[in-house]
Amino acid sequence: MRDLAHWKGCSAPKPVLIEGRYVLVEPYDRAKHLNALWSDAFGGMAINPLLKYFSQEDFSGIEDFDTWLSAVQQKSGWVTEVFREKASGKVVGMANYMRADPANGVVEVGGVAHGSAMARSPLSTEAHYLMARHVFDDLGYRRYEWKCHSENQASRTTAARLGFIFEGIFRQHMVSKRANRDTAWFSMIDREWPLIKTAFEQWLSPDNFDRDGRQKQRLEDIRATLAQEERR
């Protein structure tokens, strides 16, 4: 744990462009990204089953989606980042820096939506690696959070795979789509980040993929091996 005797807090997250090997993480721009997210990444009205566990009501069309995105940025202070596949140039998903607490060095990644093009590829892993790296290495945050509906098993599995630690269930945390939502909380913290970062980088290395693009080692296994070596 870092010495906090001279802690002065962090800067609030701002829109940022981060380039990786496979993906670009770029600030949301309505003119450039709204239709690309709605039509290309999320398949139009197919967005509603994709965002089943988001708290807002189902979207009736792109206008609703536009209104929601504008509101979470302007009223809630979310910083929306869009994922673009470098090879094709296509927009494939998004996530947000949200509920930032710069005084205590805490921020959440949320509103995470991966389009189908991100499945079974390095895109989502690298996108979240880049967002986490920016939080810890560039902004100096102490804690990075991931929260999701307790019934959203896919999100819970993703959080654990990425290196977030499960911390528990907040019962009756929210009213979501006119029903109760218990929320699963996960986090990674600054003293864990160096090992998590190294695991990400080893997994993302071209050497970790065969000719067909299949991983040779799982991210969780790389992280476990590094942790074992660290304990020796």
Protein backbone atom coordinates (compact mmCIF):
# COMPACT_ATOMS: atom_id res chain seq x y z
CA MET A 1 0.00 0.00 0.00
CA ARG A 2 1.32 3.44 -0.91
CA ASP A 3 2.32 6.06 1.67
CA LEU A 4 -0.62 8.46 1.92
CA ALA A 5 1.11 11.04 4.10
CA HIS A 6 1.32 13.42 1.17
CA TRP A 7 -1.72 12.20 -0.79
CA LYS A 8 -3.34 15.00 -2.77
CA GLY A 9 -5.90 13.05 -4.78
CA CYS A 10 -6.09 12.49 -8.52
CA SER A 11 -7.33 14.30 -11.56
CA ALA A 12 -10.85 13.43 -12.68
CA PRO A 13 -10.94 11.19 -15.76
CA LYS A 14 -11.37 13.09 -19.01
CA PRO A 15 -12.02 11.89 -22.56
CA VAL A 16 -8.85 10.21 -23.77
CA LEU A 17 -7.51 8.50 -26.88
CA ILE A 18 -5.53 5.33 -26.17
CA GLU A 19 -4.05 3.14 -28.89
CA GLY A 20 -3.37 -0.54 -28.48
CA ARG A 21 -2.23 -3.29 -30.82
CA TYR A 22 -5.75 -4.42 -31.72
CA VAL A 23 -8.10 -1.65 -30.61
CA LEU A 24 -8.43 2.10 -30.30
CA VAL A 25 -10.15 3.50 -27.23
CA GLU A 26 -11.43 6.91 -28.27
CA PRO A 27 -13.64 9.62 -26.73
CA TYR A 28 -17.30 9.48 -27.68
CA ASP A 29 -18.21 12.01 -30.37
CA ARG A 30 -21.92 12.11 -31.20
CA ALA A 31 -21.47 12.94 -34.88
CA LYS A 32 -18.90 10.21 -35.38
CA HIS A 33 -20.08 7.47 -33.05
CA LEU A 34 -23.83 7.56 -32.39
CA ASN A 35 -24.98 5.75 -35.52
CA ALA A 36 -21.90 3.51 -35.56
CA LEU A 37 -22.65 2.29 -32.04
CA TRP A 38 -26.37 1.89 -32.63
CA SER A 39 -26.25 0.23 -36.05
CA ASP A 40 -22.83 -1.35 -36.44
CA ALA A 41 -21.76 -2.31 -32.94
CA PHE A 42 -25.11 -3.11 -31.32
CA GLY A 43 -27.33 -4.05 -34.27
CA GLY A 44 -30.07 -1.47 -33.86
CA MET A 45 -32.96 -2.78 -31.78
CA ALA A 46 -30.86 -5.82 -30.85
CA ILE A 47 -29.34 -3.44 -28.30
CA ASN A 48 -32.17 -4.12 -25.85
CA PRO A 49 -31.40 -7.80 -25.16
CA LEU A 50 -27.69 -6.92 -25.21
CA LEU A 51 -28.23 -4.29 -22.49
CA LYS A 52 -30.75 -6.40 -20.57
CA TYR A 53 -29.05 -5.65 -17.26
CA PHE A 54 -28.64 -1.90 -17.76
CA SER A 55 -30.92 0.07 -15.45
CA GLN A 56 -32.61 2.26 -18.08
CA GLU A 57 -35.81 1.23 -19.84
CA ASP A 58 -35.55 -0.47 -23.24
CA PHE A 59 -34.78 1.88 -26.12
CA SER A 60 -37.51 2.51 -28.69
CA GLY A 61 -34.97 3.65 -31.30
CA ILE A 62 -31.75 5.52 -31.88
CA GLU A 63 -33.29 8.75 -30.55
CA ASP A 64 -33.81 7.12 -27.13
CA PHE A 65 -30.26 5.81 -27.18
CA ASP A 66 -28.98 9.29 -28.06
CA THR A 67 -30.97 10.88 -25.23
CA TRP A 68 -29.66 8.33 -22.72
CA LEU A 69 -26.03 8.73 -23.79
CA SER A 70 -26.28 12.50 -23.59
CA ALA A 71 -27.88 12.34 -20.15
CA VAL A 72 -25.32 10.04 -18.57
CA GLN A 73 -22.53 12.29 -19.78
CA GLN A 74 -24.06 15.68 -19.05
CA LYS A 75 -26.00 14.91 -15.88
CA SER A 76 -24.16 11.96 -14.39
CA GLY A 77 -20.63 12.89 -15.45
CA TRP A 78 -19.83 9.67 -17.26
CA VAL A 79 -16.85 9.75 -19.62
CA THR A 80 -17.85 7.57 -22.56
CA GLU A 81 -15.08 5.77 -24.42
CA VAL A 82 -15.72 3.97 -27.71
CA PHE A 83 -13.88 0.85 -28.88
CA ARG A 84 -12.75 0.73 -32.51
CA GLU A 85 -11.15 -2.34 -34.09
CA LYS A 86 -7.93 -1.19 -35.73
CA ALA A 87 -7.89 -3.84 -38.46
CA SER A 88 -11.33 -3.00 -39.85
CA GLY A 89 -11.83 0.53 -38.53
CA LYS A 90 -15.27 -0.50 -37.22
CA VAL A 91 -16.80 0.67 -33.94
CA VAL A 92 -17.36 -2.46 -31.83
CA GLY A 93 -18.35 -1.36 -28.30
CA MET A 94 -18.06 1.13 -25.48
CA ALA A 95 -17.48 1.62 -21.76
CA ASN A 96 -17.51 4.57 -19.37
CA TYR A 97 -15.42 6.00 -16.59
CA MET A 98 -18.10 6.81 -14.01
CA ARG A 99 -18.71 7.79 -10.38
CA ALA A 100 -15.20 9.20 -10.12
CA ASP A 101 -14.00 10.15 -6.63
CA PRO A 102 -10.70 11.91 -7.36
CA ALA A 103 -10.17 12.94 -3.74
CA ASN A 104 -9.94 9.29 -2.71
CA GLY A 105 -8.55 7.93 -5.98
CA VAL A 106 -11.56 5.75 -6.84
CA VAL A 107 -13.31 5.38 -10.19
CA GLU A 108 -15.62 2.80 -11.77
CA VAL A 109 -15.76 1.35 -15.25
CA GLY A 110 -19.40 0.84 -16.19
CA GLY A 111 -21.99 1.06 -18.91
CA VAL A 112 -19.91 -1.64 -20.58
CA ALA A 113 -21.35 -2.89 -23.87
CA HIS A 114 -19.46 -5.26 -26.17
CA GLY A 115 -20.81 -5.73 -29.67
CA SER A 116 -20.71 -9.18 -31.25
CA ALA A 117 -17.48 -8.34 -33.12
CA MET A 118 -15.65 -8.26 -29.77
CA ALA A 119 -16.50 -11.87 -28.96
CA ARG A 120 -13.78 -14.50 -29.17
CA SER A 121 -11.09 -11.94 -29.97
CA PRO A 122 -8.42 -9.94 -28.08
CA LEU A 123 -10.46 -6.74 -28.53
CA SER A 124 -12.34 -6.66 -25.25
CA THR A 125 -9.35 -7.76 -23.18
CA GLU A 126 -7.11 -5.10 -24.69
CA ALA A 127 -9.77 -2.39 -24.41
CA HIS A 128 -10.13 -3.00 -20.68
CA TYR A 129 -6.39 -3.30 -20.21
CA LEU A 130 -5.94 0.12 -21.84
CA MET A 131 -8.67 1.71 -19.72
CA ALA A 132 -7.24 0.26 -16.51
CA ARG A 133 -3.70 1.25 -17.44
CA HIS A 134 -4.82 4.83 -17.97
CA VAL A 135 -6.49 4.90 -14.55
CA PHE A 136 -3.55 3.49 -12.63
CA ASP A 137 -0.46 4.56 -14.60
CA ASP A 138 -1.53 7.92 -16.02
CA LEU A 139 -3.99 9.22 -13.42
CA GLY A 140 -2.62 7.51 -10.30
CA TYR A 141 -5.87 6.07 -8.97
CA ARG A 142 -5.89 3.72 -5.97
CA ARG A 143 -9.03 1.72 -6.74
CA TYR A 144 -10.83 0.72 -9.94
CA GLU A 145 -14.35 -0.68 -9.62
CA TRP A 146 -16.64 -2.93 -11.66
CA LYS A 147 -20.29 -3.34 -10.64
CA CYS A 148 -23.08 -5.31 -12.27
CA HIS A 149 -26.50 -6.81 -11.67
CA SER A 150 -26.01 -9.84 -9.44
CA GLU A 151 -27.85 -11.98 -12.02
CA ASN A 152 -25.55 -10.91 -14.85
CA GLN A 153 -23.31 -13.94 -14.81
CA ALA A 154 -21.53 -12.98 -18.04
CA SER A 155 -20.44 -9.66 -16.55
CA ARG A 156 -19.35 -11.30 -13.30
CA THR A 157 -17.30 -13.85 -15.22
CA THR A 158 -15.69 -11.11 -17.32
CA ALA A 159 -14.79 -9.05 -14.25
CA ALA A 160 -13.09 -12.00 -12.58
CA ARG A 161 -11.26 -12.96 -15.76
CA LEU A 162 -9.90 -9.42 -16.12
CA GLY A 163 -8.49 -9.50 -12.58
CA PHE A 164 -11.17 -7.71 -10.57
CA ILE A 165 -11.75 -9.20 -7.12
CA PHE A 166 -15.31 -10.00 -6.04
CA GLU A 167 -16.18 -8.08 -2.88
CA GLY A 168 -19.79 -9.04 -2.25
CA ILE A 169 -23.44 -8.34 -3.03
CA PHE A 170 -25.11 -5.02 -2.18
CA ARG A 171 -28.69 -6.12 -1.56
CA GLN A 172 -31.55 -3.94 -2.87
CA HIS A 173 -28.97 -1.54 -4.23
CA MET A 174 -31.11 -0.15 -7.06
CA VAL A 175 -34.47 -0.19 -8.76
CA SER A 176 -33.70 -1.34 -12.30
CA LYS A 177 -36.33 -1.66 -15.01
CA ARG A 178 -39.01 -1.38 -12.30
CA ALA A 179 -37.59 -4.30 -10.35
CA ASN A 180 -35.12 -4.83 -7.54
CA ARG A 181 -31.44 -5.08 -8.39
CA ASP A 182 -28.89 -6.62 -6.08
CA THR A 183 -25.46 -5.47 -7.25
CA ALA A 184 -22.23 -7.49 -7.37
CA TRP A 185 -19.17 -5.36 -6.55
CA PHE A 186 -15.66 -6.02 -7.84
CA SER A 187 -12.45 -4.02 -7.67
CA MET A 188 -8.75 -3.99 -8.41
CA ILE A 189 -6.40 -1.78 -6.41
CA ASP A 190 -3.08 -0.13 -7.07
CA ARG A 191 -0.88 -2.66 -5.26
CA GLU A 192 -2.43 -5.45 -7.37
CA TRP A 193 -2.08 -3.59 -10.64
CA PRO A 194 1.59 -4.37 -11.50
CA LEU A 195 0.91 -8.12 -11.57
CA ILE A 196 -2.43 -7.68 -13.37
CA LYS A 197 -0.75 -5.41 -15.92
CA THR A 198 2.04 -7.91 -16.59
CA ALA A 199 -0.51 -10.68 -17.09
CA PHE A 200 -2.48 -8.56 -19.55
CA GLU A 201 0.67 -7.79 -21.53
CA GLN A 202 1.76 -11.42 -21.67
CA TRP A 203 -1.71 -12.54 -22.75
CA LEU A 204 -1.95 -9.85 -25.43
CA SER A 205 1.45 -10.68 -26.90
CA PRO A 206 1.25 -12.13 -30.44
CA ASP A 207 3.26 -15.08 -29.12
CA ASN A 208 0.23 -16.11 -27.05
CA PHE A 209 -1.90 -16.81 -30.15
CA ASP A 210 -1.64 -19.60 -32.69
CA ARG A 211 -2.04 -19.22 -36.46
CA ASP A 212 -5.83 -19.37 -36.09
CA GLY A 213 -5.87 -16.64 -33.47
CA ARG A 214 -6.60 -18.98 -30.56
CA GLN A 215 -5.03 -18.23 -27.20
CA LYS A 216 -2.29 -20.52 -25.95
CA GLN A 217 -2.60 -19.52 -22.30
CA ARG A 218 -5.64 -18.19 -20.48
CA LEU A 219 -5.37 -14.80 -18.82
CA GLU A 220 -6.35 -16.29 -15.46
CA ASP A 221 -3.61 -18.93 -15.73
CA ILE A 222 -0.95 -16.37 -16.58
CA ARG A 223 -1.99 -14.27 -13.58
CA ALA A 224 -1.97 -17.31 -11.28
CA THR A 225 1.54 -18.29 -12.44
CA LEU A 226 2.82 -14.76 -11.84
CA ALA A 227 1.27 -14.72 -8.37
CA GLN A 228 2.87 -18.05 -7.55
CA GLU A 229 6.26 -16.80 -8.69
CA GLU A 230 5.81 -13.64 -6.64
CA ARG A 231 5.23 -15.68 -3.47
CA ARG A 232 8.47 -17.66 -3.87
